[in-house]
């Protein structure tokens, strides 16, 4: 039900901050845990992983799975 309401009244995430990369032992946001870099929606404040190599925001769960799978095949090679 919450997803349906979010579709009609939620944020479209049209504007993002510049990508932020956390280095060192500082607290890493959950969005930055996947790629090490994240962006923030300037309208609602939600954080999204950012793929610096492809220069795109990873928004959907299927994109996250594809990203993790591609990392696994790159590391295996």
PDB file of N, CA and C in Angstrom:
ATOM      1  N   UNK A   1       0.829  -1.191   0.000  1.00  0.00           N
ATOM      2  CA  UNK A   1       0.000   0.000   0.000  1.00  0.00           C
ATOM      3  C   UNK A   1       0.880   1.263   0.000  1.00  0.00           C
ATOM      4  N   UNK A   2       1.975   1.212   0.769  1.00  0.00           N
ATOM      5  CA  UNK A   2       2.854   2.380   0.858  1.00  0.00           C
ATOM      6  C   UNK A   2       3.520   2.677  -0.476  1.00  0.00           C
ATOM      7  N   UNK A   3       3.863   1.629  -1.224  1.00  0.00           N
ATOM      8  CA  UNK A   3       4.483   1.837  -2.542  1.00  0.00           C
ATOM      9  C   UNK A   3       3.501   2.479  -3.510  1.00  0.00           C
ATOM     10  N   UNK A   4       2.231   2.115  -3.416  1.00  0.00           N
ATOM     11  CA  UNK A   4       1.207   2.697  -4.285  1.00  0.00           C
ATOM     12  C   UNK A   4       1.044   4.189  -3.995  1.00  0.00           C
ATOM     13  N   UNK A   5       1.017   4.549  -2.736  1.00  0.00           N
ATOM     14  CA  UNK A   5       0.917   5.959  -2.355  1.00  0.00           C
ATOM     15  C   UNK A   5       2.163   6.715  -2.800  1.00  0.00           C
ATOM     16  N   UNK A   6       3.327   6.069  -2.667  1.00  0.00           N
ATOM     17  CA  UNK A   6       4.578   6.706  -3.078  1.00  0.00           C
ATOM     18  C   UNK A   6       4.613   6.956  -4.580  1.00  0.00           C
ATOM     19  N   UNK A   7       4.000   6.078  -5.368  1.00  0.00           N
ATOM     20  CA  UNK A   7       3.956   6.263  -6.821  1.00  0.00           C
ATOM     21  C   UNK A   7       3.199   7.538  -7.176  1.00  0.00           C
ATOM     22  N   UNK A   8       2.100   7.800  -6.503  1.00  0.00           N
ATOM     23  CA  UNK A   8       1.271   8.955  -6.834  1.00  0.00           C
ATOM     24  C   UNK A   8       1.732  10.249  -6.161  1.00  0.00           C
ATOM     25  N   UNK A   9       2.197  10.163  -4.927  1.00  0.00           N
ATOM     26  CA  UNK A   9       2.506  11.373  -4.165  1.00  0.00           C
ATOM     27  C   UNK A   9       3.961  11.495  -3.750  1.00  0.00           C
ATOM     28  N   UNK A  10       4.782  10.488  -4.049  1.00  0.00           N
ATOM     29  CA  UNK A  10       6.163  10.481  -3.596  1.00  0.00           C
ATOM     30  C   UNK A  10       7.076  11.348  -4.447  1.00  0.00           C
ATOM     31  N   UNK A  11       8.317  11.367  -4.058  1.00  0.00           N
ATOM     32  CA  UNK A  11       9.333  12.151  -4.746  1.00  0.00           C
ATOM     33  C   UNK A  11       9.736  11.450  -6.049  1.00  0.00           C
ATOM     34  N   UNK A  12       9.982  12.218  -7.095  1.00  0.00           N
ATOM     35  CA  UNK A  12      10.407  11.655  -8.377  1.00  0.00           C
ATOM     36  C   UNK A  12      11.916  11.508  -8.449  1.00  0.00           C
ATOM     37  N   UNK A  13      12.638  12.048  -7.500  1.00  0.00           N
ATOM     38  CA  UNK A  13      14.100  11.993  -7.452  1.00  0.00           C
ATOM     39  C   UNK A  13      14.688  12.534  -8.757  1.00  0.00           C
ATOM     40  N   UNK A  14      14.314  13.731  -9.102  1.00  0.00           N
ATOM     41  CA  UNK A  14      14.763  14.343 -10.356  1.00  0.00           C
ATOM     42  C   UNK A  14      16.067  15.123 -10.201  1.00  0.00           C
ATOM     43  N   UNK A  15      16.384  15.555  -8.994  1.00  0.00           N
ATOM     44  CA  UNK A  15      17.603  16.362  -8.787  1.00  0.00           C
ATOM     45  C   UNK A  15      18.485  15.688  -7.742  1.00  0.00           C
ATOM     46  N   UNK A  16      19.761  15.486  -8.092  1.00  0.00           N
ATOM     47  CA  UNK A  16      20.701  14.816  -7.201  1.00  0.00           C
ATOM     48  C   UNK A  16      21.865  15.734  -6.854  1.00  0.00           C
ATOM     49  N   UNK A  17      22.489  15.447  -5.729  1.00  0.00           N
ATOM     50  CA  UNK A  17      23.715  16.146  -5.352  1.00  0.00           C
ATOM     51  C   UNK A  17      24.864  15.628  -6.204  1.00  0.00           C
ATOM     52  N   UNK A  18      26.022  16.263  -6.075  1.00  0.00           N
ATOM     53  CA  UNK A  18      27.232  15.760  -6.713  1.00  0.00           C
ATOM     54  C   UNK A  18      27.627  14.478  -5.990  1.00  0.00           C
ATOM     55  N   UNK A  19      28.168  13.492  -6.688  1.00  0.00           N
ATOM     56  CA  UNK A  19      28.563  12.237  -6.026  1.00  0.00           C
ATOM     57  C   UNK A  19      29.555  12.464  -4.893  1.00  0.00           C
ATOM     58  N   UNK A  20      29.326  11.764  -3.787  1.00  0.00           N
ATOM     59  CA  UNK A  20      30.158  11.874  -2.591  1.00  0.00           C
ATOM     60  C   UNK A  20      30.836  10.526  -2.355  1.00  0.00           C
ATOM     61  N   UNK A  21      32.154  10.545  -2.184  1.00  0.00           N
ATOM     62  CA  UNK A  21      32.914   9.332  -1.891  1.00  0.00           C
ATOM     63  C   UNK A  21      33.488   9.448  -0.496  1.00  0.00           C
ATOM     64  N   UNK A  22      33.227   8.445   0.331  1.00  0.00           N
ATOM     65  CA  UNK A  22      33.723   8.416   1.700  1.00  0.00           C
ATOM     66  C   UNK A  22      35.012   7.606   1.721  1.00  0.00           C
ATOM     67  N   UNK A  23      36.053   8.182   2.262  1.00  0.00           N
ATOM     68  CA  UNK A  23      37.341   7.492   2.369  1.00  0.00           C
ATOM     69  C   UNK A  23      37.690   7.297   3.830  1.00  0.00           C
ATOM     70  N   UNK A  24      38.459   6.285   4.086  1.00  0.00           N
ATOM     71  CA  UNK A  24      38.927   6.036   5.442  1.00  0.00           C
ATOM     72  C   UNK A  24      37.926   5.270   6.274  1.00  0.00           C
ATOM     73  N   UNK A  25      38.010   5.460   7.579  1.00  0.00           N
ATOM     74  CA  UNK A  25      37.175   4.705   8.509  1.00  0.00           C
ATOM     75  C   UNK A  25      35.954   5.489   8.954  1.00  0.00           C
ATOM     76  N   UNK A  26      35.625   6.562   8.263  1.00  0.00           N
ATOM     77  CA  UNK A  26      34.458   7.356   8.638  1.00  0.00           C
ATOM     78  C   UNK A  26      33.185   6.534   8.441  1.00  0.00           C
ATOM     79  N   UNK A  27      32.127   6.963   9.100  1.00  0.00           N
ATOM     80  CA  UNK A  27      30.840   6.280   8.965  1.00  0.00           C
ATOM     81  C   UNK A  27      30.411   6.305   7.506  1.00  0.00           C
ATOM     82  N   UNK A  28      30.126   5.150   6.965  1.00  0.00           N
ATOM     83  CA  UNK A  28      29.730   5.042   5.566  1.00  0.00           C
ATOM     84  C   UNK A  28      28.214   4.814   5.500  1.00  0.00           C
ATOM     85  N   UNK A  29      27.480   5.678   4.809  1.00  0.00           N
ATOM     86  CA  UNK A  29      26.040   5.464   4.668  1.00  0.00           C
ATOM     87  C   UNK A  29      25.751   4.165   3.940  1.00  0.00           C
ATOM     88  N   UNK A  30      24.581   3.607   4.181  1.00  0.00           N
ATOM     89  CA  UNK A  30      24.211   2.336   3.557  1.00  0.00           C
ATOM     90  C   UNK A  30      24.257   2.429   2.039  1.00  0.00           C
ATOM     91  N   UNK A  31      23.863   3.558   1.473  1.00  0.00           N
ATOM     92  CA  UNK A  31      23.885   3.718   0.021  1.00  0.00           C
ATOM     93  C   UNK A  31      25.309   3.678  -0.507  1.00  0.00           C
ATOM     94  N   UNK A  32      26.253   4.161   0.258  1.00  0.00           N
ATOM     95  CA  UNK A  32      27.644   4.169  -0.165  1.00  0.00           C
ATOM     96  C   UNK A  32      28.355   2.845   0.060  1.00  0.00           C
ATOM     97  N   UNK A  33      27.736   1.915   0.764  1.00  0.00           N
ATOM     98  CA  UNK A  33      28.366   0.627   1.054  1.00  0.00           C
ATOM     99  C   UNK A  33      28.511  -0.215  -0.207  1.00  0.00           C
ATOM    100  N   UNK A  34      27.607  -0.066  -1.155  1.00  0.00           N
ATOM    101  CA  UNK A  34      27.644  -0.878  -2.369  1.00  0.00           C
ATOM    102  C   UNK A  34      28.777  -0.461  -3.293  1.00  0.00           C
ATOM    103  N   UNK A  35      28.910   0.821  -3.564  1.00  0.00           N
ATOM    104  CA  UNK A  35      29.895   1.296  -4.534  1.00  0.00           C
ATOM    105  C   UNK A  35      30.987   2.149  -3.910  1.00  0.00           C
ATOM    106  N   UNK A  36      30.786   2.614  -2.696  1.00  0.00           N
ATOM    107  CA  UNK A  36      31.740   3.523  -2.076  1.00  0.00           C
ATOM    108  C   UNK A  36      31.406   4.975  -2.370  1.00  0.00           C
ATOM    109  N   UNK A  37      30.481   5.210  -3.291  1.00  0.00           N
ATOM    110  CA  UNK A  37      30.073   6.560  -3.682  1.00  0.00           C
ATOM    111  C   UNK A  37      28.551   6.610  -3.681  1.00  0.00           C
ATOM    112  N   UNK A  38      28.002   7.742  -3.269  1.00  0.00           N
ATOM    113  CA  UNK A  38      26.548   7.887  -3.266  1.00  0.00           C
ATOM    114  C   UNK A  38      26.155   9.308  -3.635  1.00  0.00           C
ATOM    115  N   UNK A  39      24.881   9.476  -4.015  1.00  0.00           N
ATOM    116  CA  UNK A  39      24.299  10.786  -4.270  1.00  0.00           C
ATOM    117  C   UNK A  39      23.059  10.908  -3.401  1.00  0.00           C
ATOM    118  N   UNK A  40      22.621  12.152  -3.200  1.00  0.00           N
ATOM    119  CA  UNK A  40      21.450  12.420  -2.366  1.00  0.00           C
ATOM    120  C   UNK A  40      20.422  13.165  -3.190  1.00  0.00           C
ATOM    121  N   UNK A  41      19.143  12.762  -3.097  1.00  0.00           N
ATOM    122  CA  UNK A  41      18.061  13.494  -3.747  1.00  0.00           C
ATOM    123  C   UNK A  41      17.920  14.830  -3.020  1.00  0.00           C
ATOM    124  N   UNK A  42      17.972  15.915  -3.771  1.00  0.00           N
ATOM    125  CA  UNK A  42      17.917  17.247  -3.155  1.00  0.00           C
ATOM    126  C   UNK A  42      16.517  17.631  -2.696  1.00  0.00           C
ATOM    127  N   UNK A  43      15.507  16.867  -3.104  1.00  0.00           N
ATOM    128  CA  UNK A  43      14.137  17.190  -2.703  1.00  0.00           C
ATOM    129  C   UNK A  43      13.698  16.440  -1.450  1.00  0.00           C
ATOM    130  N   UNK A  44      14.063  15.150  -1.343  1.00  0.00           N
ATOM    131  CA  UNK A  44      13.584  14.384  -0.187  1.00  0.00           C
ATOM    132  C   UNK A  44      14.697  13.909   0.741  1.00  0.00           C
ATOM    133  N   UNK A  45      15.960  13.946   0.294  1.00  0.00           N
ATOM    134  CA  UNK A  45      17.073  13.554   1.140  1.00  0.00           C
ATOM    135  C   UNK A  45      17.438  12.085   1.090  1.00  0.00           C
ATOM    136  N   UNK A  46      16.797  11.309   0.246  1.00  0.00           N
ATOM    137  CA  UNK A  46      17.110   9.885   0.152  1.00  0.00           C
ATOM    138  C   UNK A  46      18.463   9.685  -0.540  1.00  0.00           C
ATOM    139  N   UNK A  47      19.233   8.719  -0.058  1.00  0.00           N
ATOM    140  CA  UNK A  47      20.556   8.443  -0.608  1.00  0.00           C
ATOM    141  C   UNK A  47      20.491   7.260  -1.566  1.00  0.00           C
ATOM    142  N   UNK A  48      21.261   7.347  -2.669  1.00  0.00           N
ATOM    143  CA  UNK A  48      21.315   6.300  -3.677  1.00  0.00           C
ATOM    144  C   UNK A  48      22.763   5.976  -4.010  1.00  0.00           C
ATOM    145  N   UNK A  49      23.079   4.694  -4.224  1.00  0.00           N
ATOM    146  CA  UNK A  49      24.434   4.349  -4.669  1.00  0.00           C
ATOM    147  C   UNK A  49      24.701   4.955  -6.041  1.00  0.00           C
ATOM    148  N   UNK A  50      25.954   5.304  -6.297  1.00  0.00           N
ATOM    149  CA  UNK A  50      26.338   5.909  -7.568  1.00  0.00           C
ATOM    150  C   UNK A  50      27.522   5.147  -8.139  1.00  0.00           C
ATOM    151  N   UNK A  51      27.409   4.703  -9.374  1.00  0.00           N
ATOM    152  CA  UNK A  51      28.489   3.996 -10.058  1.00  0.00           C
ATOM    153  C   UNK A  51      29.345   5.021 -10.773  1.00  0.00           C
ATOM    154  N   UNK A  52      30.524   5.292 -10.241  1.00  0.00           N
ATOM    155  CA  UNK A  52      31.398   6.324 -10.792  1.00  0.00           C
ATOM    156  C   UNK A  52      31.951   5.911 -12.151  1.00  0.00           C
ATOM    157  N   UNK A  53      32.167   4.612 -12.383  1.00  0.00           N
ATOM    158  CA  UNK A  53      32.703   4.138 -13.659  1.00  0.00           C
ATOM    159  C   UNK A  53      31.693   4.338 -14.792  1.00  0.00           C
ATOM    160  N   UNK A  54      30.431   4.028 -14.538  1.00  0.00           N
ATOM    161  CA  UNK A  54      29.368   4.185 -15.537  1.00  0.00           C
ATOM    162  C   UNK A  54      28.727   5.568 -15.484  1.00  0.00           C
ATOM    163  N   UNK A  55      29.018   6.313 -14.422  1.00  0.00           N
ATOM    164  CA  UNK A  55      28.447   7.638 -14.187  1.00  0.00           C
ATOM    165  C   UNK A  55      26.919   7.617 -14.203  1.00  0.00           C
ATOM    166  N   UNK A  56      26.349   6.741 -13.359  1.00  0.00           N
ATOM    167  CA  UNK A  56      24.897   6.683 -13.254  1.00  0.00           C
ATOM    168  C   UNK A  56      24.478   6.307 -11.839  1.00  0.00           C
ATOM    169  N   UNK A  57      23.270   6.714 -11.503  1.00  0.00           N
ATOM    170  CA  UNK A  57      22.686   6.427 -10.199  1.00  0.00           C
ATOM    171  C   UNK A  57      22.063   5.042 -10.261  1.00  0.00           C
ATOM    172  N   UNK A  58      22.287   4.252  -9.234  1.00  0.00           N
ATOM    173  CA  UNK A  58      21.697   2.918  -9.146  1.00  0.00           C
ATOM    174  C   UNK A  58      20.445   3.038  -8.296  1.00  0.00           C
ATOM    175  N   UNK A  59      19.282   3.011  -8.939  1.00  0.00           N
ATOM    176  CA  UNK A  59      18.041   3.275  -8.218  1.00  0.00           C
ATOM    177  C   UNK A  59      17.218   2.028  -7.918  1.00  0.00           C
ATOM    178  N   UNK A  60      17.160   1.069  -8.807  1.00  0.00           N
ATOM    179  CA  UNK A  60      16.274  -0.075  -8.597  1.00  0.00           C
ATOM    180  C   UNK A  60      17.036  -1.270  -8.021  1.00  0.00           C
ATOM    181  N   UNK A  61      16.330  -2.151  -7.327  1.00  0.00           N
ATOM    182  CA  UNK A  61      16.971  -3.354  -6.792  1.00  0.00           C
ATOM    183  C   UNK A  61      17.575  -4.233  -7.890  1.00  0.00           C
ATOM    184  N   UNK A  62      16.960  -4.268  -9.062  1.00  0.00           N
ATOM    185  CA  UNK A  62      17.518  -5.092 -10.145  1.00  0.00           C
ATOM    186  C   UNK A  62      18.856  -4.517 -10.616  1.00  0.00           C
ATOM    187  N   UNK A  63      18.990  -3.192 -10.666  1.00  0.00           N
ATOM    188  CA  UNK A  63      20.271  -2.587 -11.023  1.00  0.00           C
ATOM    189  C   UNK A  63      21.326  -2.906  -9.978  1.00  0.00           C
ATOM    190  N   UNK A  64      20.934  -2.954  -8.711  1.00  0.00           N
ATOM    191  CA  UNK A  64      21.885  -3.293  -7.645  1.00  0.00           C
ATOM    192  C   UNK A  64      22.385  -4.724  -7.814  1.00  0.00           C
ATOM    193  N   UNK A  65      21.465  -5.661  -8.128  1.00  0.00           N
ATOM    194  CA  UNK A  65      21.871  -7.047  -8.337  1.00  0.00           C
ATOM    195  C   UNK A  65      22.818  -7.166  -9.527  1.00  0.00           C
ATOM    196  N   UNK A  66      22.511  -6.452 -10.618  1.00  0.00           N
ATOM    197  CA  UNK A  66      23.375  -6.488 -11.796  1.00  0.00           C
ATOM    198  C   UNK A  66      24.760  -5.931 -11.471  1.00  0.00           C
ATOM    199  N   UNK A  67      24.808  -4.882 -10.679  1.00  0.00           N
ATOM    200  CA  UNK A  67      26.085  -4.270 -10.311  1.00  0.00           C
ATOM    201  C   UNK A  67      26.920  -5.246  -9.487  1.00  0.00           C
ATOM    202  N   UNK A  68      26.293  -5.890  -8.516  1.00  0.00           N
ATOM    203  CA  UNK A  68      27.009  -6.852  -7.672  1.00  0.00           C
ATOM    204  C   UNK A  68      27.478  -8.037  -8.512  1.00  0.00           C
ATOM    205  N   UNK A  69      26.648  -8.506  -9.429  1.00  0.00           N
ATOM    206  CA  UNK A  69      27.034  -9.630 -10.296  1.00  0.00           C
ATOM    207  C   UNK A  69      28.204  -9.258 -11.192  1.00  0.00           C
ATOM    208  N   UNK A  70      28.197  -8.033 -11.720  1.00  0.00           N
ATOM    209  CA  UNK A  70      29.305  -7.624 -12.582  1.00  0.00           C
ATOM    210  C   UNK A  70      30.597  -7.496 -11.784  1.00  0.00           C
ATOM    211  N   UNK A  71      30.513  -7.055 -10.541  1.00  0.00           N
ATOM    212  CA  UNK A  71      31.707  -6.995  -9.685  1.00  0.00           C
ATOM    213  C   UNK A  71      32.258  -8.389  -9.423  1.00  0.00           C
ATOM    214  N   UNK A  72      31.362  -9.354  -9.205  1.00  0.00           N
ATOM    215  CA  UNK A  72      31.804 -10.708  -8.923  1.00  0.00           C
ATOM    216  C   UNK A  72      32.527 -11.305 -10.134  1.00  0.00           C
ATOM    217  N   UNK A  73      32.027 -11.059 -11.331  1.00  0.00           N
ATOM    218  CA  UNK A  73      32.682 -11.618 -12.516  1.00  0.00           C
ATOM    219  C   UNK A  73      34.007 -10.904 -12.796  1.00  0.00           C
ATOM    220  N   UNK A  74      34.101  -9.611 -12.508  1.00  0.00           N
ATOM    221  CA  UNK A  74      35.355  -8.889 -12.702  1.00  0.00           C
ATOM    222  C   UNK A  74      36.425  -9.367 -11.728  1.00  0.00           C
ATOM    223  N   UNK A  75      36.032  -9.631 -10.486  1.00  0.00           N
ATOM    224  CA  UNK A  75      36.993 -10.079  -9.485  1.00  0.00           C
ATOM    225  C   UNK A  75      37.418 -11.523  -9.718  1.00  0.00           C
ATOM    226  N   UNK A  76      36.539 -12.343 -10.312  1.00  0.00           N
ATOM    227  CA  UNK A  76      36.875 -13.728 -10.590  1.00  0.00           C
ATOM    228  C   UNK A  76      37.877 -13.839 -11.742  1.00  0.00           C
ATOM    229  N   UNK A  77      37.866 -12.863 -12.621  1.00  0.00           N
ATOM    230  CA  UNK A  77      38.756 -12.927 -13.790  1.00  0.00           C
ATOM    231  C   UNK A  77      40.162 -12.547 -13.497  1.00  0.00           C
TER     232      UNK A  77
END
